[in-house]
Amino acid sequence: MNRNTLFEQPKINAPFVGILILFTTICALNIPILITLWRHGFDDGTYSHAFLIPFISLYLYYELAQSGKLRFREKFAVLPTILLLLSCYLLFITSNAQISIGYWLAFLAVSITSVTMVYRFNWYVVFPAAFLIFIFPFWGVLVPLLQNISVAAVTYMMSFTGVPTYVEAEMITIPAGVFEIADGCSGLRYMIVSLAIGSLFIFLNIRDTKRAALFLTITILGALLTNWIRITALILIGEYTNMESSLMEDHNTFGWYLYVPFMILLFVWGNKLSEVSSIAHKENEADINKVSPNKTVILCFIALIVTSSTALNVFLSSDIKTVASNSENIVKPNIIYYSSVKNTLLPNHPAINYSIYNFNGADLDGKPTFYANSLIPEGWSLEAQTEMNNWLIYTIYRGSKRALVFVKYEIADQTSTNTTEFKVKRLLNALIGINNTKLHWLFISCENNCAEKIVKIQTLIRDL
């Protein structure tokens, strides 16, 4: 060891450091989106793999940087800039309209197009950013389809067992009891994991398109088949143990006992399809670091990312909850993530409880139509609903008591009672940066004369 070796400074891989800065910047400017991912993805068992995905993506970029395949653009490129501009505009619109699937996909598009704008384009560079798709919890839209397929597949498999089976919707009845093929039995979890692992294996080992398509197809079908076998086996175990087996409670673990052997066999077969990874080719380390990012590209990237930032809304909006009434006995809905609420007693109508919930868009889940909002007060049940004068009217009851609840949604002085129509209005107003919304909620007891009371207050509610 000589003196020069002893004091040699570790070399920094500039392209990989650039990736770290790029994704840190995107995440820091879109913290509201990360919050929604934490709420709906990372704490859900279906997406428990999400913690690993960012580290896998960064590792892939590290390998690409080490091999010299991750290189900065030396010149400004028009097409990647246009794609990033469109992605940022889509993010701006969908986040202002608070369309969950929209801003998740837009965030992914911004991540991918940012990489292609700053770095030389090739498919190796795109994949690690696209791999982040497995973080986003929009896969739930596939649950009804997979659930129906699982019911059909299990019904077919049970026809070979000799066990009497009656199927109605998602319920499967056998002599020993009833099984429900619920959302968790759809096979979505196995399919997502298989897609993630399968696509990663293809990226690292398979170059031929036909082989890659075959491997990915077997990966998906095998995951679904494993789930169908799991459900069928659990039904048979329930039948032969008279529903007393411990697997009736801990059936998720049982599924992994079937899934892991399938993945082992899949990788054994996949190795026969594998080729030498082109990522492993190492180029001259001096060549890797000699190119610095184009300043024009970096300035355009920063400008586009900042202007579409969802975090900007946090600084432009007040997020202080205020309540006009402190009454503990007031009947109210269960509304969350609102920015303020005003409870008003109408003149000459003290029995009417009228509240306006305001949502300023600072929290992307803060909207009148959020799925966790309950418009029916706790302890009350729905009897009927109708629409009148642009109000949605619920007739509710609790024991012998009956009441009416009037609801409507508002944005930019435009009101709606239909959630789809309201979503369209949010999108149209998002084009001009308007995202403040309101929920109008009115409660009045009606005892046994609800229909008559609706007619009496028709004029009153028309003006509210």
Protein backbone atom coordinates (compact mmCIF):
# COMPACT_ATOMS: atom_id res chain seq x y z
CA MET A 1 0.00 0.00 0.00
CA ASN A 2 1.54 3.29 -1.08
CA ARG A 3 0.72 6.78 0.04
CA ASN A 4 -1.49 7.52 -2.98
CA THR A 5 -3.57 4.40 -2.37
CA LEU A 6 -3.88 5.12 1.35
CA PHE A 7 -5.39 8.56 0.84
CA GLU A 8 -7.37 7.78 -2.33
CA GLN A 9 -10.86 9.27 -2.12
CA PRO A 10 -13.84 7.02 -2.90
CA LYS A 11 -15.21 7.71 -6.36
CA ILE A 12 -18.76 8.98 -6.61
CA ASN A 13 -20.99 7.59 -9.34
CA ALA A 14 -22.57 10.82 -10.59
CA PRO A 15 -25.48 9.24 -12.55
CA PHE A 16 -26.64 7.25 -9.53
CA VAL A 17 -26.35 10.29 -7.25
CA GLY A 18 -28.43 12.13 -9.84
CA ILE A 19 -31.14 9.45 -9.56
CA LEU A 20 -31.20 9.86 -5.78
CA ILE A 21 -31.56 13.64 -6.10
CA LEU A 22 -34.20 13.32 -8.84
CA PHE A 23 -36.51 11.00 -6.89
CA THR A 24 -35.95 12.85 -3.62
CA THR A 25 -37.02 16.09 -5.33
CA ILE A 26 -40.14 14.51 -6.87
CA CYS A 27 -41.17 12.96 -3.54
CA ALA A 28 -40.50 16.11 -1.52
CA LEU A 29 -42.67 18.18 -3.85
CA ASN A 30 -45.50 15.64 -3.74
CA ILE A 31 -45.74 14.72 -0.07
CA PRO A 32 -49.59 14.79 -0.15
CA ILE A 33 -49.50 11.91 -2.64
CA LEU A 34 -47.06 9.98 -0.46
CA ILE A 35 -49.46 10.43 2.46
CA THR A 36 -52.27 8.82 0.46
CA LEU A 37 -49.97 5.93 -0.44
CA TRP A 38 -49.19 5.42 3.23
CA ARG A 39 -52.87 5.45 4.17
CA HIS A 40 -54.13 3.17 1.44
CA GLY A 41 -51.13 1.07 0.46
CA PHE A 42 -48.36 0.49 2.95
CA ASP A 43 -50.73 -0.38 5.82
CA ASP A 44 -52.74 -2.82 3.67
CA GLY A 45 -51.77 -6.50 3.71
CA THR A 46 -52.31 -6.71 -0.05
CA TYR A 47 -49.53 -4.15 -0.58
CA SER A 48 -47.18 -5.24 2.20
CA HIS A 49 -44.50 -5.70 -0.47
CA ALA A 50 -44.56 -1.93 -1.14
CA PHE A 51 -41.78 -1.25 1.39
CA LEU A 52 -39.30 -3.19 -0.77
CA ILE A 53 -40.15 -1.70 -4.16
CA PRO A 54 -38.26 1.66 -3.83
CA PHE A 55 -35.11 -0.12 -2.64
CA ILE A 56 -35.29 -2.59 -5.53
CA SER A 57 -35.68 0.26 -8.02
CA LEU A 58 -32.72 2.14 -6.55
CA TYR A 59 -30.60 -1.02 -6.59
CA LEU A 60 -31.40 -1.54 -10.27
CA TYR A 61 -30.38 2.04 -11.01
CA TYR A 62 -27.17 1.50 -9.06
CA GLU A 63 -26.34 -1.54 -11.20
CA LEU A 64 -27.16 0.38 -14.37
CA ALA A 65 -24.95 3.26 -13.22
CA GLN A 66 -22.09 0.90 -12.39
CA SER A 67 -22.33 -0.77 -15.79
CA GLY A 68 -22.40 2.57 -17.60
CA LYS A 69 -25.92 2.23 -19.00
CA LEU A 70 -27.23 5.13 -16.92
CA ARG A 71 -25.87 8.29 -18.53
CA PHE A 72 -26.88 11.94 -18.46
CA ARG A 73 -28.19 13.57 -21.59
CA GLU A 74 -25.62 15.87 -23.14
CA LYS A 75 -28.17 17.79 -25.22
CA PHE A 76 -31.67 19.07 -24.66
CA ALA A 77 -34.29 16.67 -26.10
CA VAL A 78 -37.72 17.93 -27.16
CA LEU A 79 -39.82 14.74 -27.00
CA PRO A 80 -38.90 13.75 -23.40
CA THR A 81 -39.56 17.35 -22.33
CA ILE A 82 -43.01 17.31 -23.94
CA LEU A 83 -43.82 13.99 -22.26
CA LEU A 84 -42.76 15.36 -18.88
CA LEU A 85 -44.81 18.51 -19.50
CA LEU A 86 -47.92 16.42 -20.26
CA SER A 87 -47.30 14.23 -17.21
CA CYS A 88 -46.95 17.27 -14.95
CA TYR A 89 -50.12 18.82 -16.34
CA LEU A 90 -51.98 15.54 -15.81
CA LEU A 91 -50.70 15.48 -12.23
CA PHE A 92 -51.84 19.08 -11.72
CA ILE A 93 -55.36 18.34 -13.00
CA THR A 94 -55.92 15.00 -11.25
CA SER A 95 -54.52 16.20 -7.93
CA ASN A 96 -56.70 19.32 -7.99
CA ALA A 97 -59.69 17.18 -8.92
CA GLN A 98 -58.63 14.71 -6.19
CA ILE A 99 -59.00 11.66 -8.46
CA SER A 100 -56.96 9.01 -6.64
CA ILE A 101 -56.17 6.67 -9.52
CA GLY A 102 -55.50 9.69 -11.71
CA TYR A 103 -52.85 11.35 -9.55
CA TRP A 104 -51.22 8.02 -8.68
CA LEU A 105 -50.79 7.20 -12.38
CA ALA A 106 -49.71 10.78 -13.09
CA PHE A 107 -47.12 10.61 -10.30
CA LEU A 108 -45.76 7.41 -11.84
CA ALA A 109 -45.71 9.06 -15.28
CA VAL A 110 -43.82 12.05 -13.88
CA SER A 111 -41.23 9.72 -12.32
CA ILE A 112 -40.68 7.83 -15.58
CA THR A 113 -40.60 10.88 -17.87
CA SER A 114 -38.28 12.74 -15.49
CA VAL A 115 -35.74 9.94 -15.82
CA THR A 116 -36.03 9.86 -19.62
CA MET A 117 -35.62 13.64 -19.78
CA VAL A 118 -32.48 13.81 -17.65
CA TYR A 119 -30.86 10.55 -18.84
CA ARG A 120 -30.25 8.98 -22.22
CA PHE A 121 -33.22 6.87 -23.19
CA ASN A 122 -33.16 3.08 -23.25
CA TRP A 123 -35.57 0.49 -21.89
CA TYR A 124 -33.17 -0.46 -19.11
CA VAL A 125 -33.47 3.06 -17.71
CA VAL A 126 -37.28 3.06 -17.91
CA PHE A 127 -37.91 -0.26 -16.14
CA PRO A 128 -36.73 0.63 -12.58
CA ALA A 129 -38.99 3.71 -12.57
CA ALA A 130 -41.91 1.76 -14.06
CA PHE A 131 -41.35 -0.91 -11.39
CA LEU A 132 -42.71 1.61 -8.88
CA ILE A 133 -46.19 0.78 -10.23
CA PHE A 134 -46.36 -2.01 -7.64
CA ILE A 135 -46.45 0.58 -4.84
CA PHE A 136 -49.71 2.16 -5.92
CA PRO A 137 -52.93 0.73 -4.44
CA PHE A 138 -55.06 1.04 -7.57
CA TRP A 139 -54.90 -2.69 -8.26
CA GLY A 140 -58.09 -3.08 -6.23
CA VAL A 141 -60.14 -2.34 -9.36
CA LEU A 142 -59.32 -5.90 -10.45
CA VAL A 143 -60.85 -7.48 -7.33
CA PRO A 144 -64.43 -7.95 -8.65
CA LEU A 145 -63.15 -9.56 -11.86
CA LEU A 146 -60.70 -11.86 -10.06
CA GLN A 147 -63.35 -12.68 -7.47
CA ASN A 148 -65.80 -13.83 -10.16
CA ILE A 149 -63.10 -15.87 -11.89
CA SER A 150 -62.17 -17.51 -8.57
CA VAL A 151 -65.81 -18.45 -7.90
CA ALA A 152 -66.12 -20.03 -11.35
CA ALA A 153 -62.78 -21.86 -11.07
CA VAL A 154 -63.44 -23.21 -7.56
CA THR A 155 -66.96 -24.30 -8.56
CA TYR A 156 -65.47 -26.24 -11.47
CA MET A 157 -62.78 -27.85 -9.29
CA MET A 158 -65.32 -28.80 -6.62
CA SER A 159 -67.32 -30.68 -9.26
CA PHE A 160 -64.58 -33.34 -9.25
CA THR A 161 -64.55 -33.84 -5.46
CA GLY A 162 -67.91 -35.49 -4.92
CA VAL A 163 -68.78 -32.98 -2.18
CA PRO A 164 -72.30 -31.50 -2.63
CA THR A 165 -71.81 -27.82 -3.45
CA TYR A 166 -74.25 -24.96 -3.82
CA VAL A 167 -72.98 -21.64 -5.15
CA GLU A 168 -74.78 -18.32 -4.84
CA ALA A 169 -72.86 -15.15 -5.70
CA GLU A 170 -69.63 -15.36 -3.63
CA MET A 171 -71.07 -17.86 -1.13
CA ILE A 172 -70.21 -21.57 -1.46
CA THR A 173 -72.33 -23.89 0.69
CA ILE A 174 -71.28 -27.46 1.56
CA PRO A 175 -72.78 -29.87 4.13
CA ALA A 176 -70.27 -28.75 6.80
CA GLY A 177 -70.87 -25.00 6.43
CA VAL A 178 -70.66 -21.91 4.24
CA PHE A 179 -67.55 -20.35 2.68
CA GLU A 180 -67.35 -16.83 1.29
CA ILE A 181 -64.90 -16.04 -1.48
CA ALA A 182 -64.33 -12.52 -0.21
CA ASP A 183 -62.09 -9.77 -1.61
CA GLY A 184 -59.05 -11.31 0.08
CA CYS A 185 -59.69 -14.60 -1.74
CA SER A 186 -59.66 -13.00 -5.19
CA GLY A 187 -55.98 -13.84 -5.68
CA LEU A 188 -54.98 -10.20 -6.18
CA ARG A 189 -52.17 -10.43 -3.63
CA TYR A 190 -50.59 -13.43 -5.35
CA MET A 191 -50.99 -11.83 -8.77
CA ILE A 192 -49.29 -8.56 -7.75
CA VAL A 193 -46.37 -10.37 -6.13
CA SER A 194 -46.02 -12.65 -9.16
CA LEU A 195 -46.08 -9.70 -11.57
CA ALA A 196 -43.42 -7.89 -9.53
CA ILE A 197 -41.11 -10.88 -9.16
CA GLY A 198 -41.72 -12.10 -12.70
CA SER A 199 -41.04 -8.75 -14.36
CA LEU A 200 -37.91 -8.29 -12.25
CA PHE A 201 -36.64 -11.76 -13.23
CA ILE A 202 -37.25 -10.97 -16.91
CA PHE A 203 -35.43 -7.64 -16.63
CA LEU A 204 -32.39 -9.29 -15.10
CA ASN A 205 -32.22 -12.53 -17.04
CA ILE A 206 -34.37 -12.81 -20.17
CA ARG A 207 -33.82 -10.84 -23.38
CA ASP A 208 -35.98 -12.70 -25.90
CA THR A 209 -39.47 -11.16 -26.18
CA LYS A 210 -41.29 -14.47 -26.75
CA ARG A 211 -39.58 -16.11 -23.80
CA ALA A 212 -40.33 -13.10 -21.62
CA ALA A 213 -44.03 -13.14 -22.59
CA LEU A 214 -44.25 -16.89 -21.94
CA PHE A 215 -42.55 -16.59 -18.55
CA LEU A 216 -44.79 -13.70 -17.44
CA THR A 217 -47.94 -15.52 -18.61
CA ILE A 218 -47.03 -18.66 -16.66
CA THR A 219 -46.19 -16.49 -13.65
CA ILE A 220 -49.66 -14.88 -13.61
CA LEU A 221 -51.64 -18.04 -14.41
CA GLY A 222 -49.66 -20.02 -11.85
CA ALA A 223 -50.39 -17.45 -9.14
CA LEU A 224 -54.12 -17.56 -9.87
CA LEU A 225 -54.14 -21.36 -10.05
CA THR A 226 -52.37 -21.50 -6.69
CA ASN A 227 -55.13 -19.35 -5.19
CA TRP A 228 -57.87 -21.56 -6.66
CA ILE A 229 -56.19 -24.69 -5.29
CA ARG A 230 -55.88 -22.97 -1.90
CA ILE A 231 -59.60 -22.15 -1.75
CA THR A 232 -60.64 -25.63 -2.92
CA ALA A 233 -58.31 -27.30 -0.41
CA LEU A 234 -59.67 -25.14 2.43
CA ILE A 235 -63.25 -26.06 1.50
CA LEU A 236 -62.36 -29.77 1.49
CA ILE A 237 -60.49 -29.47 4.79
CA GLY A 238 -63.52 -27.71 6.26
CA GLU A 239 -65.79 -30.50 5.03
CA TYR A 240 -63.67 -33.36 6.37
CA THR A 241 -62.92 -31.69 9.73
CA ASN A 242 -66.46 -30.37 10.21
CA MET A 243 -65.10 -26.79 10.09
CA GLU A 244 -62.94 -27.38 13.18
CA SER A 245 -59.49 -27.17 11.57
CA SER A 246 -57.29 -24.24 12.63
CA LEU A 247 -56.86 -23.44 8.93
CA MET A 248 -60.42 -22.11 8.92
CA GLU A 249 -59.05 -19.11 10.82
CA ASP A 250 -55.46 -18.86 9.52
CA HIS A 251 -56.05 -19.57 5.84
CA ASN A 252 -53.70 -16.85 4.53
CA THR A 253 -50.58 -18.60 5.82
CA PHE A 254 -51.77 -21.82 4.19
CA GLY A 255 -51.78 -20.05 0.83
CA TRP A 256 -48.11 -19.13 1.07
CA TYR A 257 -47.23 -22.79 1.73
CA LEU A 258 -48.62 -23.49 -1.74
CA TYR A 259 -47.32 -20.35 -3.42
CA VAL A 260 -43.65 -20.59 -2.38
CA PRO A 261 -43.09 -24.06 -3.93
CA PHE A 262 -44.69 -22.78 -7.15
CA MET A 263 -42.26 -19.84 -7.27
CA ILE A 264 -39.28 -22.15 -6.66
CA LEU A 265 -40.32 -24.36 -9.59
CA LEU A 266 -40.94 -21.24 -11.68
CA PHE A 267 -37.41 -19.95 -11.09
CA VAL A 268 -35.91 -23.36 -11.86
CA TRP A 269 -37.70 -23.29 -15.19
CA GLY A 270 -36.89 -19.61 -15.67
CA ASN A 271 -33.17 -20.29 -15.34
CA LYS A 272 -33.41 -22.51 -18.41
CA LEU A 273 -34.83 -19.56 -20.34
CA SER A 274 -32.25 -17.14 -18.96
CA GLU A 275 -29.47 -15.47 -20.85
CA VAL A 276 -26.41 -13.62 -19.63
CA SER A 277 -27.56 -10.28 -18.24
CA SER A 278 -26.37 -7.39 -20.35
CA ILE A 279 -26.44 -5.23 -17.23
CA ALA A 280 -23.35 -7.02 -15.97
CA HIS A 281 -21.15 -5.55 -18.71
CA LYS A 282 -18.84 -3.04 -17.10
CA GLU A 283 -17.65 -0.02 -19.00
CA ASN A 284 -14.73 2.21 -18.25
CA GLU A 285 -15.40 3.94 -14.92
CA ALA A 286 -13.90 7.17 -16.15
CA ASP A 287 -16.35 7.23 -19.05
CA ILE A 288 -19.27 6.72 -16.69
CA ASN A 289 -18.59 9.88 -14.71
CA LYS A 290 -17.17 12.16 -17.36
CA VAL A 291 -20.53 13.48 -18.56
CA SER A 292 -22.38 15.97 -16.38
CA PRO A 293 -26.11 16.71 -16.70
CA ASN A 294 -27.14 19.35 -19.21
CA LYS A 295 -27.98 22.58 -17.36
CA THR A 296 -30.92 23.43 -19.62
CA VAL A 297 -32.40 19.99 -19.02
CA ILE A 298 -32.04 20.37 -15.25
CA LEU A 299 -33.63 23.83 -15.23
CA CYS A 300 -36.60 22.62 -17.31
CA PHE A 301 -37.00 19.60 -15.05
CA ILE A 302 -37.06 21.73 -11.90
CA ALA A 303 -39.50 24.24 -13.40
CA LEU A 304 -41.96 21.55 -14.53
CA ILE A 305 -41.79 19.56 -11.29
CA VAL A 306 -42.26 22.60 -9.05
CA THR A 307 -45.23 24.01 -11.00
CA SER A 308 -47.09 20.68 -10.79
CA SER A 309 -46.21 20.09 -7.15
CA THR A 310 -49.08 18.84 -4.98
CA ALA A 311 -47.19 20.05 -1.91
CA LEU A 312 -47.71 23.60 -3.20
CA ASN A 313 -51.39 23.33 -2.25
CA VAL A 314 -50.43 22.74 1.37
CA PHE A 315 -48.75 26.15 1.53
CA LEU A 316 -51.53 27.88 -0.39
CA SER A 317 -54.37 26.37 1.65
CA SER A 318 -55.35 26.67 5.29
CA ASP A 319 -55.69 23.33 7.04
CA ILE A 320 -57.22 24.49 10.32
CA LYS A 321 -60.41 22.76 11.42
CA THR A 322 -63.02 25.11 12.82
CA VAL A 323 -66.40 24.16 14.23
CA ALA A 324 -69.14 26.73 14.66
CA SER A 325 -71.08 24.70 17.22
CA ASN A 326 -69.68 22.92 20.25
CA SER A 327 -72.86 21.00 21.04
CA GLU A 328 -72.11 17.42 22.06
CA ASN A 329 -75.69 16.28 21.40
CA ILE A 330 -75.92 17.50 17.82
CA VAL A 331 -76.66 14.78 15.26
CA LYS A 332 -73.97 14.76 12.59
CA PRO A 333 -72.40 12.56 9.92
CA ASN A 334 -68.95 11.02 10.15
CA ILE A 335 -66.88 13.20 7.81
CA ILE A 336 -63.06 13.11 7.84
CA TYR A 337 -60.23 15.19 6.36
CA TYR A 338 -62.35 18.35 6.05
CA SER A 339 -60.73 21.77 6.51
CA SER A 340 -63.62 23.49 8.28
CA VAL A 341 -67.27 22.98 9.18
CA LYS A 342 -70.05 25.45 9.91
CA ASN A 343 -73.08 24.29 11.88
CA THR A 344 -76.06 26.62 11.45
CA LEU A 345 -79.47 26.82 13.12
CA LEU A 346 -81.88 28.20 10.53
CA PRO A 347 -84.14 31.13 11.59
CA ASN A 348 -87.63 29.98 12.59
CA HIS A 349 -86.53 26.36 12.13
CA PRO A 350 -84.67 25.39 15.33
CA ALA A 351 -85.30 21.67 14.73
CA ILE A 352 -83.24 21.70 11.53
CA ASN A 353 -79.53 20.93 11.86
CA TYR A 354 -77.72 22.35 8.83
CA SER A 355 -73.95 21.89 8.34
CA ILE A 356 -71.56 22.87 5.58
CA TYR A 357 -68.26 20.98 5.43
CA ASN A 358 -65.49 22.76 3.52
CA PHE A 359 -62.59 20.97 1.81
CA ASN A 360 -59.70 23.09 0.58
CA GLY A 361 -57.76 20.38 -1.26
CA ALA A 362 -54.72 20.46 1.04
CA ASP A 363 -55.37 16.80 1.86
CA LEU A 364 -55.95 14.76 -1.30
CA ASP A 365 -58.37 12.52 0.60
CA GLY A 366 -60.27 15.57 1.82
CA LYS A 367 -63.31 15.60 -0.45
CA PRO A 368 -67.08 15.25 0.07
CA THR A 369 -67.22 11.92 -1.77
CA PHE A 370 -64.36 10.22 0.11
CA TYR A 371 -65.29 6.54 0.51
CA ALA A 372 -64.87 6.57 4.31
CA ASN A 373 -67.31 9.48 4.80
CA SER A 374 -70.60 8.30 6.29
CA LEU A 375 -73.55 10.56 5.49
CA ILE A 376 -75.88 8.57 7.74
CA PRO A 377 -75.40 9.46 11.45
CA GLU A 378 -74.03 6.72 13.66
CA GLY A 379 -76.73 4.44 15.03
CA TRP A 380 -79.20 5.26 12.26
CA SER A 381 -80.19 3.01 9.33
CA LEU A 382 -81.29 3.85 5.79
CA GLU A 383 -84.94 3.28 4.92
CA ALA A 384 -85.25 5.01 1.55
CA GLN A 385 -83.70 7.69 -0.63
CA THR A 386 -84.93 10.09 -3.29
CA GLU A 387 -83.86 13.27 -5.11
CA MET A 388 -85.65 16.62 -5.10
CA ASN A 389 -84.60 20.14 -6.12
CA ASN A 390 -80.97 19.06 -6.51
CA TRP A 391 -80.89 17.55 -3.02
CA LEU A 392 -80.36 13.88 -2.24
CA ILE A 393 -82.82 12.96 0.52
CA TYR A 394 -82.34 9.98 2.83
CA THR A 395 -85.16 8.71 5.04
CA ILE A 396 -83.51 7.11 8.07
CA TYR A 397 -84.64 5.45 11.28
CA ARG A 398 -83.36 4.41 14.69
CA GLY A 399 -85.81 2.26 16.61
CA SER A 400 -89.16 4.05 16.47
CA LYS A 401 -87.57 7.39 15.52
CA ARG A 402 -87.46 8.57 11.92
CA ALA A 403 -85.64 11.48 10.31
CA LEU A 404 -84.62 13.04 7.02
CA VAL A 405 -81.10 13.79 5.79
CA PHE A 406 -80.58 16.18 2.86
CA VAL A 407 -77.23 16.08 1.04
CA LYS A 408 -75.61 17.84 -1.91
CA TYR A 409 -72.07 18.50 -3.15
CA GLU A 410 -70.75 21.87 -4.31
CA ILE A 411 -67.80 23.21 -6.26
CA ALA A 412 -67.53 26.73 -7.72
CA ASP A 413 -71.21 27.42 -6.92
CA GLN A 414 -72.24 24.33 -8.92
CA THR A 415 -74.12 21.66 -6.96
CA SER A 416 -74.61 17.94 -7.60
CA THR A 417 -76.20 14.93 -5.97
CA ASN A 418 -74.57 12.34 -8.23
CA THR A 419 -70.97 11.38 -7.35
CA THR A 420 -69.98 10.72 -10.97
CA GLU A 421 -71.37 14.07 -12.11
CA PHE A 422 -69.57 15.75 -9.21
CA LYS A 423 -66.30 14.07 -10.20
CA VAL A 424 -66.66 15.43 -13.74
CA LYS A 425 -67.26 18.93 -12.35
CA ARG A 426 -64.14 18.61 -10.18
CA LEU A 427 -62.10 17.66 -13.25
CA LEU A 428 -63.43 20.59 -15.29
CA ASN A 429 -62.73 23.06 -12.49
CA ALA A 430 -59.30 21.53 -11.92
CA LEU A 431 -58.33 22.74 -15.39
CA ILE A 432 -58.41 26.28 -14.02
CA GLY A 433 -56.99 25.40 -10.61
CA ILE A 434 -60.22 25.36 -8.57
CA ASN A 435 -60.32 22.58 -5.98
CA ASN A 436 -62.34 23.97 -3.06
CA THR A 437 -65.41 21.80 -2.48
CA LYS A 438 -68.30 21.70 -0.02
CA LEU A 439 -70.64 19.13 1.44
CA HIS A 440 -74.09 20.43 2.42
CA TRP A 441 -75.72 18.22 5.07
CA LEU A 442 -79.13 18.86 6.66
CA PHE A 443 -80.91 16.79 9.33
CA ILE A 444 -84.50 17.04 10.59
CA SER A 445 -86.65 14.66 12.63
CA CYS A 446 -89.93 13.69 10.99
CA GLU A 447 -91.42 10.95 13.20
CA ASN A 448 -94.32 9.49 11.17
CA ASN A 449 -94.95 12.32 8.68
CA CYS A 450 -91.75 12.24 6.64
CA ALA A 451 -93.39 12.56 3.21
CA GLU A 452 -95.45 15.52 4.39
CA LYS A 453 -92.40 17.19 5.94
CA ILE A 454 -90.45 16.86 2.68
CA VAL A 455 -93.16 18.83 0.91
CA LYS A 456 -93.27 21.50 3.63
CA ILE A 457 -89.57 22.26 3.53
CA GLN A 458 -89.30 22.05 -0.26
CA THR A 459 -89.22 25.84 -0.64
CA LEU A 460 -86.72 26.23 2.18
CA ILE A 461 -84.13 23.81 0.86
CA ARG A 462 -84.39 25.18 -2.69
CA ASP A 463 -82.72 28.39 -1.50
CA LEU A 464 -79.96 26.77 0.56
